[in-house]
Amino acid sequence: EEILDRASAVFAELEKNLSDLQSIQHDIQKLEAYYTGKDWKADFRLDEQGKLPKDLKRGVLSEDAIYDLLEKNRELLDLVKKDGEA
């Protein structure tokens, strides 16, 4: 019973998270388009020049943060795809 209950809870959470992963893909594509396009470079230059508000959150202007997120997204999608093919 304990194993069944624990596994059922894990599976339910996993299904929810997979659904969340799928539902965020459109926004991830928008973020990738921003990052790989000219808008990100322009915003990055403005920030370097001190032309953006000091209290502006800058996570999106961190090259590593966006790159790492996009890579993690690809890894997770590949993992889900591979598991689905097994």
PDB file of N, CA and C in Angstrom:
ATOM      1  N   GLU A   1       0.827  -1.201   0.000  1.00  0.00           N
ATOM      2  CA  GLU A   1       0.000   0.000   0.000  1.00  0.00           C
ATOM      3  C   GLU A   1       0.868   1.260   0.000  1.00  0.00           C
ATOM      4  N   GLU A   2       1.914   1.237   0.818  1.00  0.00           N
ATOM      5  CA  GLU A   2       2.781   2.416   0.902  1.00  0.00           C
ATOM      6  C   GLU A   2       3.450   2.706  -0.445  1.00  0.00           C
ATOM      7  N   ILE A   3       3.944   1.656  -1.094  1.00  0.00           N
ATOM      8  CA  ILE A   3       4.593   1.836  -2.392  1.00  0.00           C
ATOM      9  C   ILE A   3       3.579   2.333  -3.424  1.00  0.00           C
ATOM     10  N   LEU A   4       2.399   1.747  -3.426  1.00  0.00           N
ATOM     11  CA  LEU A   4       1.351   2.160  -4.348  1.00  0.00           C
ATOM     12  C   LEU A   4       0.991   3.627  -4.134  1.00  0.00           C
ATOM     13  N   ASP A   5       0.814   4.032  -2.900  1.00  0.00           N
ATOM     14  CA  ASP A   5       0.465   5.421  -2.590  1.00  0.00           C
ATOM     15  C   ASP A   5       1.571   6.382  -3.016  1.00  0.00           C
ATOM     16  N   ARG A   6       2.813   6.038  -2.682  1.00  0.00           N
ATOM     17  CA  ARG A   6       3.948   6.896  -3.030  1.00  0.00           C
ATOM     18  C   ARG A   6       4.113   7.011  -4.539  1.00  0.00           C
ATOM     19  N   ALA A   7       4.053   5.870  -5.225  1.00  0.00           N
ATOM     20  CA  ALA A   7       4.200   5.871  -6.683  1.00  0.00           C
ATOM     21  C   ALA A   7       3.064   6.643  -7.346  1.00  0.00           C
ATOM     22  N   SER A   8       1.859   6.474  -6.857  1.00  0.00           N
ATOM     23  CA  SER A   8       0.718   7.207  -7.412  1.00  0.00           C
ATOM     24  C   SER A   8       0.906   8.711  -7.260  1.00  0.00           C
ATOM     25  N   ALA A   9       1.404   9.147  -6.123  1.00  0.00           N
ATOM     26  CA  ALA A   9       1.639  10.572  -5.889  1.00  0.00           C
ATOM     27  C   ALA A   9       2.745  11.096  -6.814  1.00  0.00           C
ATOM     28  N   VAL A  10       3.820  10.323  -6.963  1.00  0.00           N
ATOM     29  CA  VAL A  10       4.924  10.720  -7.851  1.00  0.00           C
ATOM     30  C   VAL A  10       4.423  10.822  -9.285  1.00  0.00           C
ATOM     31  N   PHE A  11       3.663   9.830  -9.731  1.00  0.00           N
ATOM     32  CA  PHE A  11       3.159   9.837 -11.100  1.00  0.00           C
ATOM     33  C   PHE A  11       2.214  11.012 -11.341  1.00  0.00           C
ATOM     34  N   ALA A  12       1.359  11.306 -10.386  1.00  0.00           N
ATOM     35  CA  ALA A  12       0.431  12.435 -10.528  1.00  0.00           C
ATOM     36  C   ALA A  12       1.197  13.748 -10.650  1.00  0.00           C
ATOM     37  N   GLU A  13       2.234  13.908  -9.823  1.00  0.00           N
ATOM     38  CA  GLU A  13       3.058  15.121  -9.879  1.00  0.00           C
ATOM     39  C   GLU A  13       3.814  15.196 -11.206  1.00  0.00           C
ATOM     40  N   LEU A  14       4.328  14.070 -11.657  1.00  0.00           N
ATOM     41  CA  LEU A  14       5.045  14.027 -12.930  1.00  0.00           C
ATOM     42  C   LEU A  14       4.124  14.390 -14.090  1.00  0.00           C
ATOM     43  N   GLU A  15       2.928  13.857 -14.098  1.00  0.00           N
ATOM     44  CA  GLU A  15       1.974  14.188 -15.152  1.00  0.00           C
ATOM     45  C   GLU A  15       1.656  15.677 -15.162  1.00  0.00           C
ATOM     46  N   LYS A  16       1.491  16.263 -13.980  1.00  0.00           N
ATOM     47  CA  LYS A  16       1.237  17.701 -13.882  1.00  0.00           C
ATOM     48  C   LYS A  16       2.422  18.482 -14.422  1.00  0.00           C
ATOM     49  N   ASN A  17       3.635  18.075 -14.037  1.00  0.00           N
ATOM     50  CA  ASN A  17       4.831  18.776 -14.491  1.00  0.00           C
ATOM     51  C   ASN A  17       5.049  18.632 -15.989  1.00  0.00           C
ATOM     52  N   LEU A  18       4.743  17.468 -16.542  1.00  0.00           N
ATOM     53  CA  LEU A  18       4.853  17.291 -17.986  1.00  0.00           C
ATOM     54  C   LEU A  18       3.852  18.165 -18.720  1.00  0.00           C
ATOM     55  N   SER A  19       2.674  18.275 -18.164  1.00  0.00           N
ATOM     56  CA  SER A  19       1.664  19.159 -18.741  1.00  0.00           C
ATOM     57  C   SER A  19       2.140  20.611 -18.686  1.00  0.00           C
ATOM     58  N   ASP A  20       2.723  20.999 -17.559  1.00  0.00           N
ATOM     59  CA  ASP A  20       3.269  22.353 -17.418  1.00  0.00           C
ATOM     60  C   ASP A  20       4.387  22.592 -18.427  1.00  0.00           C
ATOM     61  N   LEU A  21       5.252  21.592 -18.616  1.00  0.00           N
ATOM     62  CA  LEU A  21       6.350  21.704 -19.578  1.00  0.00           C
ATOM     63  C   LEU A  21       5.802  21.934 -20.983  1.00  0.00           C
ATOM     64  N   GLN A  22       4.787  21.185 -21.343  1.00  0.00           N
ATOM     65  CA  GLN A  22       4.179  21.357 -22.666  1.00  0.00           C
ATOM     66  C   GLN A  22       3.522  22.727 -22.793  1.00  0.00           C
ATOM     67  N   SER A  23       2.838  23.161 -21.754  1.00  0.00           N
ATOM     68  CA  SER A  23       2.088  24.418 -21.849  1.00  0.00           C
ATOM     69  C   SER A  23       3.003  25.646 -21.898  1.00  0.00           C
ATOM     70  N   ILE A  24       4.244  25.519 -21.446  1.00  0.00           N
ATOM     71  CA  ILE A  24       5.163  26.661 -21.437  1.00  0.00           C
ATOM     72  C   ILE A  24       5.964  26.773 -22.732  1.00  0.00           C
ATOM     73  N   GLN A  25       5.849  25.800 -23.622  1.00  0.00           N
ATOM     74  CA  GLN A  25       6.687  25.771 -24.817  1.00  0.00           C
ATOM     75  C   GLN A  25       6.505  26.991 -25.726  1.00  0.00           C
ATOM     76  N   HIS A  26       5.291  27.482 -25.853  1.00  0.00           N
ATOM     77  CA  HIS A  26       5.078  28.680 -26.675  1.00  0.00           C
ATOM     78  C   HIS A  26       5.870  29.865 -26.111  1.00  0.00           C
ATOM     79  N   ASP A  27       5.830  30.024 -24.798  1.00  0.00           N
ATOM     80  CA  ASP A  27       6.582  31.120 -24.171  1.00  0.00           C
ATOM     81  C   ASP A  27       8.087  30.902 -24.284  1.00  0.00           C
ATOM     82  N   ILE A  28       8.530  29.660 -24.187  1.00  0.00           N
ATOM     83  CA  ILE A  28       9.955  29.360 -24.343  1.00  0.00           C
ATOM     84  C   ILE A  28      10.404  29.740 -25.753  1.00  0.00           C
ATOM     85  N   GLN A  29       9.579  29.456 -26.735  1.00  0.00           N
ATOM     86  CA  GLN A  29       9.907  29.824 -28.113  1.00  0.00           C
ATOM     87  C   GLN A  29      10.013  31.339 -28.262  1.00  0.00           C
ATOM     88  N   LYS A  30       9.127  32.078 -27.594  1.00  0.00           N
ATOM     89  CA  LYS A  30       9.200  33.538 -27.632  1.00  0.00           C
ATOM     90  C   LYS A  30      10.491  34.035 -26.973  1.00  0.00           C
ATOM     91  N   LEU A  31      10.868  33.421 -25.847  1.00  0.00           N
ATOM     92  CA  LEU A  31      12.102  33.801 -25.164  1.00  0.00           C
ATOM     93  C   LEU A  31      13.310  33.511 -26.043  1.00  0.00           C
ATOM     94  N   GLU A  32      13.312  32.364 -26.704  1.00  0.00           N
ATOM     95  CA  GLU A  32      14.425  32.013 -27.583  1.00  0.00           C
ATOM     96  C   GLU A  32      14.519  32.982 -28.761  1.00  0.00           C
ATOM     97  N   ALA A  33      13.384  33.357 -29.332  1.00  0.00           N
ATOM     98  CA  ALA A  33      13.378  34.325 -30.433  1.00  0.00           C
ATOM     99  C   ALA A  33      13.925  35.670 -29.968  1.00  0.00           C
ATOM    100  N   TYR A  34      13.549  36.093 -28.782  1.00  0.00           N
ATOM    101  CA  TYR A  34      14.072  37.339 -28.211  1.00  0.00           C
ATOM    102  C   TYR A  34      15.582  37.248 -28.017  1.00  0.00           C
ATOM    103  N   TYR A  35      16.029  36.155 -27.442  1.00  0.00           N
ATOM    104  CA  TYR A  35      17.453  35.971 -27.114  1.00  0.00           C
ATOM    105  C   TYR A  35      18.320  35.865 -28.366  1.00  0.00           C
ATOM    106  N   THR A  36      17.826  35.206 -29.394  1.00  0.00           N
ATOM    107  CA  THR A  36      18.632  35.011 -30.595  1.00  0.00           C
ATOM    108  C   THR A  36      18.458  36.138 -31.611  1.00  0.00           C
ATOM    109  N   GLY A  37      17.539  37.026 -31.349  1.00  0.00           N
ATOM    110  CA  GLY A  37      17.291  38.137 -32.268  1.00  0.00           C
ATOM    111  C   GLY A  37      18.023  39.403 -31.858  1.00  0.00           C
ATOM    112  N   LYS A  38      17.705  40.475 -32.547  1.00  0.00           N
ATOM    113  CA  LYS A  38      18.390  41.743 -32.296  1.00  0.00           C
ATOM    114  C   LYS A  38      17.872  42.473 -31.059  1.00  0.00           C
ATOM    115  N   ASP A  39      16.664  42.150 -30.602  1.00  0.00           N
ATOM    116  CA  ASP A  39      16.101  42.862 -29.448  1.00  0.00           C
ATOM    117  C   ASP A  39      16.918  42.622 -28.174  1.00  0.00           C
ATOM    118  N   TRP A  40      17.328  41.372 -27.946  1.00  0.00           N
ATOM    119  CA  TRP A  40      18.121  41.080 -26.741  1.00  0.00           C
ATOM    120  C   TRP A  40      19.436  41.835 -26.781  1.00  0.00           C
ATOM    121  N   LYS A  41      20.095  41.826 -27.922  1.00  0.00           N
ATOM    122  CA  LYS A  41      21.382  42.525 -28.055  1.00  0.00           C
ATOM    123  C   LYS A  41      21.209  44.025 -27.799  1.00  0.00           C
ATOM    124  N   ALA A  42      20.129  44.586 -28.304  1.00  0.00           N
ATOM    125  CA  ALA A  42      19.859  46.012 -28.096  1.00  0.00           C
ATOM    126  C   ALA A  42      19.602  46.299 -26.616  1.00  0.00           C
ATOM    127  N   ASP A  43      18.811  45.457 -25.965  1.00  0.00           N
ATOM    128  CA  ASP A  43      18.536  45.640 -24.538  1.00  0.00           C
ATOM    129  C   ASP A  43      19.815  45.476 -23.716  1.00  0.00           C
ATOM    130  N   PHE A  44      20.643  44.521 -24.101  1.00  0.00           N
ATOM    131  CA  PHE A  44      21.905  44.290 -23.395  1.00  0.00           C
ATOM    132  C   PHE A  44      22.802  45.522 -23.499  1.00  0.00           C
ATOM    133  N   ARG A  45      22.879  46.098 -24.695  1.00  0.00           N
ATOM    134  CA  ARG A  45      23.692  47.321 -24.880  1.00  0.00           C
ATOM    135  C   ARG A  45      23.143  48.477 -24.049  1.00  0.00           C
ATOM    136  N   LEU A  46      21.825  48.632 -24.049  1.00  0.00           N
ATOM    137  CA  LEU A  46      21.218  49.701 -23.251  1.00  0.00           C
ATOM    138  C   LEU A  46      21.560  49.528 -21.768  1.00  0.00           C
ATOM    139  N   ASP A  47      21.523  48.290 -21.307  1.00  0.00           N
ATOM    140  CA  ASP A  47      21.857  48.022 -19.911  1.00  0.00           C
ATOM    141  C   ASP A  47      23.318  48.349 -19.632  1.00  0.00           C
ATOM    142  N   GLU A  48      24.201  47.942 -20.529  1.00  0.00           N
ATOM    143  CA  GLU A  48      25.626  48.240 -20.360  1.00  0.00           C
ATOM    144  C   GLU A  48      25.885  49.740 -20.333  1.00  0.00           C
ATOM    145  N   GLN A  49      25.088  50.491 -21.063  1.00  0.00           N
ATOM    146  CA  GLN A  49      25.237  51.944 -21.125  1.00  0.00           C
ATOM    147  C   GLN A  49      24.536  52.644 -19.961  1.00  0.00           C
ATOM    148  N   GLY A  50      23.899  51.885 -19.092  1.00  0.00           N
ATOM    149  CA  GLY A  50      23.215  52.449 -17.941  1.00  0.00           C
ATOM    150  C   GLY A  50      21.907  53.143 -18.285  1.00  0.00           C
ATOM    151  N   LYS A  51      21.316  52.792 -19.402  1.00  0.00           N
ATOM    152  CA  LYS A  51      20.101  53.460 -19.859  1.00  0.00           C
ATOM    153  C   LYS A  51      18.805  52.772 -19.436  1.00  0.00           C
ATOM    154  N   LEU A  52      18.925  51.670 -18.723  1.00  0.00           N
ATOM    155  CA  LEU A  52      17.732  51.001 -18.204  1.00  0.00           C
ATOM    156  C   LEU A  52      17.582  51.330 -16.723  1.00  0.00           C
ATOM    157  N   PRO A  53      16.353  51.344 -16.212  1.00  0.00           N
ATOM    158  CA  PRO A  53      16.139  51.689 -14.799  1.00  0.00           C
ATOM    159  C   PRO A  53      16.951  50.789 -13.867  1.00  0.00           C
ATOM    160  N   LYS A  54      17.494  51.387 -12.835  1.00  0.00           N
ATOM    161  CA  LYS A  54      18.342  50.655 -11.882  1.00  0.00           C
ATOM    162  C   LYS A  54      17.586  49.540 -11.167  1.00  0.00           C
ATOM    163  N   ASP A  55      16.276  49.715 -10.952  1.00  0.00           N
ATOM    164  CA  ASP A  55      15.499  48.711 -10.220  1.00  0.00           C
ATOM    165  C   ASP A  55      14.894  47.638 -11.135  1.00  0.00           C
ATOM    166  N   LEU A  56      15.260  47.648 -12.413  1.00  0.00           N
ATOM    167  CA  LEU A  56      14.753  46.671 -13.364  1.00  0.00           C
ATOM    168  C   LEU A  56      15.385  45.304 -13.110  1.00  0.00           C
ATOM    169  N   LYS A  57      14.557  44.288 -13.053  1.00  0.00           N
ATOM    170  CA  LYS A  57      15.066  42.926 -12.909  1.00  0.00           C
ATOM    171  C   LYS A  57      15.822  42.563 -14.185  1.00  0.00           C
ATOM    172  N   ARG A  58      17.016  41.988 -14.059  1.00  0.00           N
ATOM    173  CA  ARG A  58      17.878  41.778 -15.207  1.00  0.00           C
ATOM    174  C   ARG A  58      18.190  40.317 -15.519  1.00  0.00           C
ATOM    175  N   GLY A  59      17.443  39.397 -14.999  1.00  0.00           N
ATOM    176  CA  GLY A  59      17.711  37.990 -15.251  1.00  0.00           C
ATOM    177  C   GLY A  59      17.729  37.650 -16.732  1.00  0.00           C
ATOM    178  N   VAL A  60      16.843  38.262 -17.483  1.00  0.00           N
ATOM    179  CA  VAL A  60      16.753  37.982 -18.912  1.00  0.00           C
ATOM    180  C   VAL A  60      17.965  38.545 -19.666  1.00  0.00           C
ATOM    181  N   LEU A  61      18.683  39.484 -19.069  1.00  0.00           N
ATOM    182  CA  LEU A  61      19.858  40.053 -19.720  1.00  0.00           C
ATOM    183  C   LEU A  61      21.131  39.272 -19.406  1.00  0.00           C
ATOM    184  N   SER A  62      20.999  38.253 -18.605  1.00  0.00           N
ATOM    185  CA  SER A  62      22.127  37.377 -18.312  1.00  0.00           C
ATOM    186  C   SER A  62      22.203  36.314 -19.401  1.00  0.00           C
ATOM    187  N   GLU A  63      23.287  36.327 -20.163  1.00  0.00           N
ATOM    188  CA  GLU A  63      23.434  35.343 -21.240  1.00  0.00           C
ATOM    189  C   GLU A  63      23.331  33.918 -20.697  1.00  0.00           C
ATOM    190  N   ASP A  64      23.973  33.656 -19.596  1.00  0.00           N
ATOM    191  CA  ASP A  64      24.001  32.305 -19.050  1.00  0.00           C
ATOM    192  C   ASP A  64      22.620  31.841 -18.603  1.00  0.00           C
ATOM    193  N   ALA A  65      21.839  32.716 -18.016  1.00  0.00           N
ATOM    194  CA  ALA A  65      20.524  32.316 -17.498  1.00  0.00           C
ATOM    195  C   ALA A  65      19.616  31.837 -18.634  1.00  0.00           C
ATOM    196  N   ILE A  66      19.529  32.595 -19.699  1.00  0.00           N
ATOM    197  CA  ILE A  66      18.661  32.206 -20.815  1.00  0.00           C
ATOM    198  C   ILE A  66      19.226  30.972 -21.517  1.00  0.00           C
ATOM    199  N   TYR A  67      20.521  30.982 -21.782  1.00  0.00           N
ATOM    200  CA  TYR A  67      21.139  29.838 -22.454  1.00  0.00           C
ATOM    201  C   TYR A  67      20.911  28.561 -21.655  1.00  0.00           C
ATOM    202  N   ASP A  68      21.174  28.619 -20.364  1.00  0.00           N
ATOM    203  CA  ASP A  68      20.995  27.441 -19.509  1.00  0.00           C
ATOM    204  C   ASP A  68      19.542  26.971 -19.495  1.00  0.00           C
ATOM    205  N   LEU A  69      18.607  27.921 -19.436  1.00  0.00           N
ATOM    206  CA  LEU A  69      17.191  27.557 -19.445  1.00  0.00           C
ATOM    207  C   LEU A  69      16.804  26.887 -20.761  1.00  0.00           C
ATOM    208  N   LEU A  70      17.270  27.437 -21.877  1.00  0.00           N
ATOM    209  CA  LEU A  70      16.953  26.846 -23.174  1.00  0.00           C
ATOM    210  C   LEU A  70      17.560  25.449 -23.317  1.00  0.00           C
ATOM    211  N   GLU A  71      18.772  25.276 -22.821  1.00  0.00           N
ATOM    212  CA  GLU A  71      19.404  23.953 -22.860  1.00  0.00           C
ATOM    213  C   GLU A  71      18.657  22.960 -21.978  1.00  0.00           C
ATOM    214  N   LYS A  72      18.270  23.381 -20.796  1.00  0.00           N
ATOM    215  CA  LYS A  72      17.512  22.504 -19.890  1.00  0.00           C
ATOM    216  C   LYS A  72      16.179  22.120 -20.532  1.00  0.00           C
ATOM    217  N   ASN A  73      15.546  23.063 -21.191  1.00  0.00           N
ATOM    218  CA  ASN A  73      14.291  22.774 -21.879  1.00  0.00           C
ATOM    219  C   ASN A  73      14.504  21.701 -22.946  1.00  0.00           C
ATOM    220  N   ARG A  74      15.563  21.857 -23.749  1.00  0.00           N
ATOM    221  CA  ARG A  74      15.854  20.857 -24.786  1.00  0.00           C
ATOM    222  C   ARG A  74      16.130  19.484 -24.167  1.00  0.00           C
ATOM    223  N   GLU A  75      16.905  19.468 -23.106  1.00  0.00           N
ATOM    224  CA  GLU A  75      17.224  18.206 -22.434  1.00  0.00           C
ATOM    225  C   GLU A  75      15.960  17.518 -21.932  1.00  0.00           C
ATOM    226  N   LEU A  76      15.078  18.277 -21.309  1.00  0.00           N
ATOM    227  CA  LEU A  76      13.846  17.695 -20.772  1.00  0.00           C
ATOM    228  C   LEU A  76      12.928  17.210 -21.882  1.00  0.00           C
ATOM    229  N   LEU A  77      12.819  17.986 -22.954  1.00  0.00           N
ATOM    230  CA  LEU A  77      11.995  17.543 -24.073  1.00  0.00           C
ATOM    231  C   LEU A  77      12.563  16.283 -24.710  1.00  0.00           C
ATOM    232  N   ASP A  78      13.888  16.223 -24.844  1.00  0.00           N
ATOM    233  CA  ASP A  78      14.532  15.019 -25.383  1.00  0.00           C
ATOM    234  C   ASP A  78      14.288  13.819 -24.472  1.00  0.00           C
ATOM    235  N   LEU A  79      14.384  14.035 -23.178  1.00  0.00           N
ATOM    236  CA  LEU A  79      14.156  12.956 -22.211  1.00  0.00           C
ATOM    237  C   LEU A  79      12.727  12.428 -22.313  1.00  0.00           C
ATOM    238  N   VAL A  80      11.777  13.329 -22.400  1.00  0.00           N
ATOM    239  CA  VAL A  80      10.376  12.932 -22.509  1.00  0.00           C
ATOM    240  C   VAL A  80      10.155  12.189 -23.823  1.00  0.00           C
ATOM    241  N   LYS A  81      10.764  12.687 -24.893  1.00  0.00           N
ATOM    242  CA  LYS A  81      10.613  12.049 -26.201  1.00  0.00           C
ATOM    243  C   LYS A  81      11.229  10.643 -26.193  1.00  0.00           C
ATOM    244  N   LYS A  82      12.425  10.507 -25.642  1.00  0.00           N
ATOM    245  CA  LYS A  82      13.081   9.206 -25.578  1.00  0.00           C
ATOM    246  C   LYS A  82      12.279   8.217 -24.738  1.00  0.00           C
ATOM    247  N   ASP A  83      11.781   8.687 -23.596  1.00  0.00           N
ATOM    248  CA  ASP A  83      10.979   7.805 -22.745  1.00  0.00           C
ATOM    249  C   ASP A  83       9.686   7.404 -23.425  1.00  0.00           C
ATOM    250  N   GLY A  84       9.129   8.312 -24.212  1.00  0.00           N
ATOM    251  CA  GLY A  84       7.896   8.010 -24.912  1.00  0.00           C
ATOM    252  C   GLY A  84       8.081   6.990 -26.028  1.00  0.00           C
ATOM    253  N   GLU A  85       9.315   6.900 -26.542  1.00  0.00           N
ATOM    254  CA  GLU A  85       9.605   5.962 -27.615  1.00  0.00           C
ATOM    255  C   GLU A  85       9.941   4.572 -27.092  1.00  0.00           C
ATOM    256  N   ALA A  86      10.276   4.478 -25.814  1.00  0.00           N
ATOM    257  CA  ALA A  86      10.710   3.194 -25.249  1.00  0.00           C
ATOM    258  C   ALA A  86       9.573   2.212 -25.100  1.00  0.00           C
TER     259      ALA A  86
END
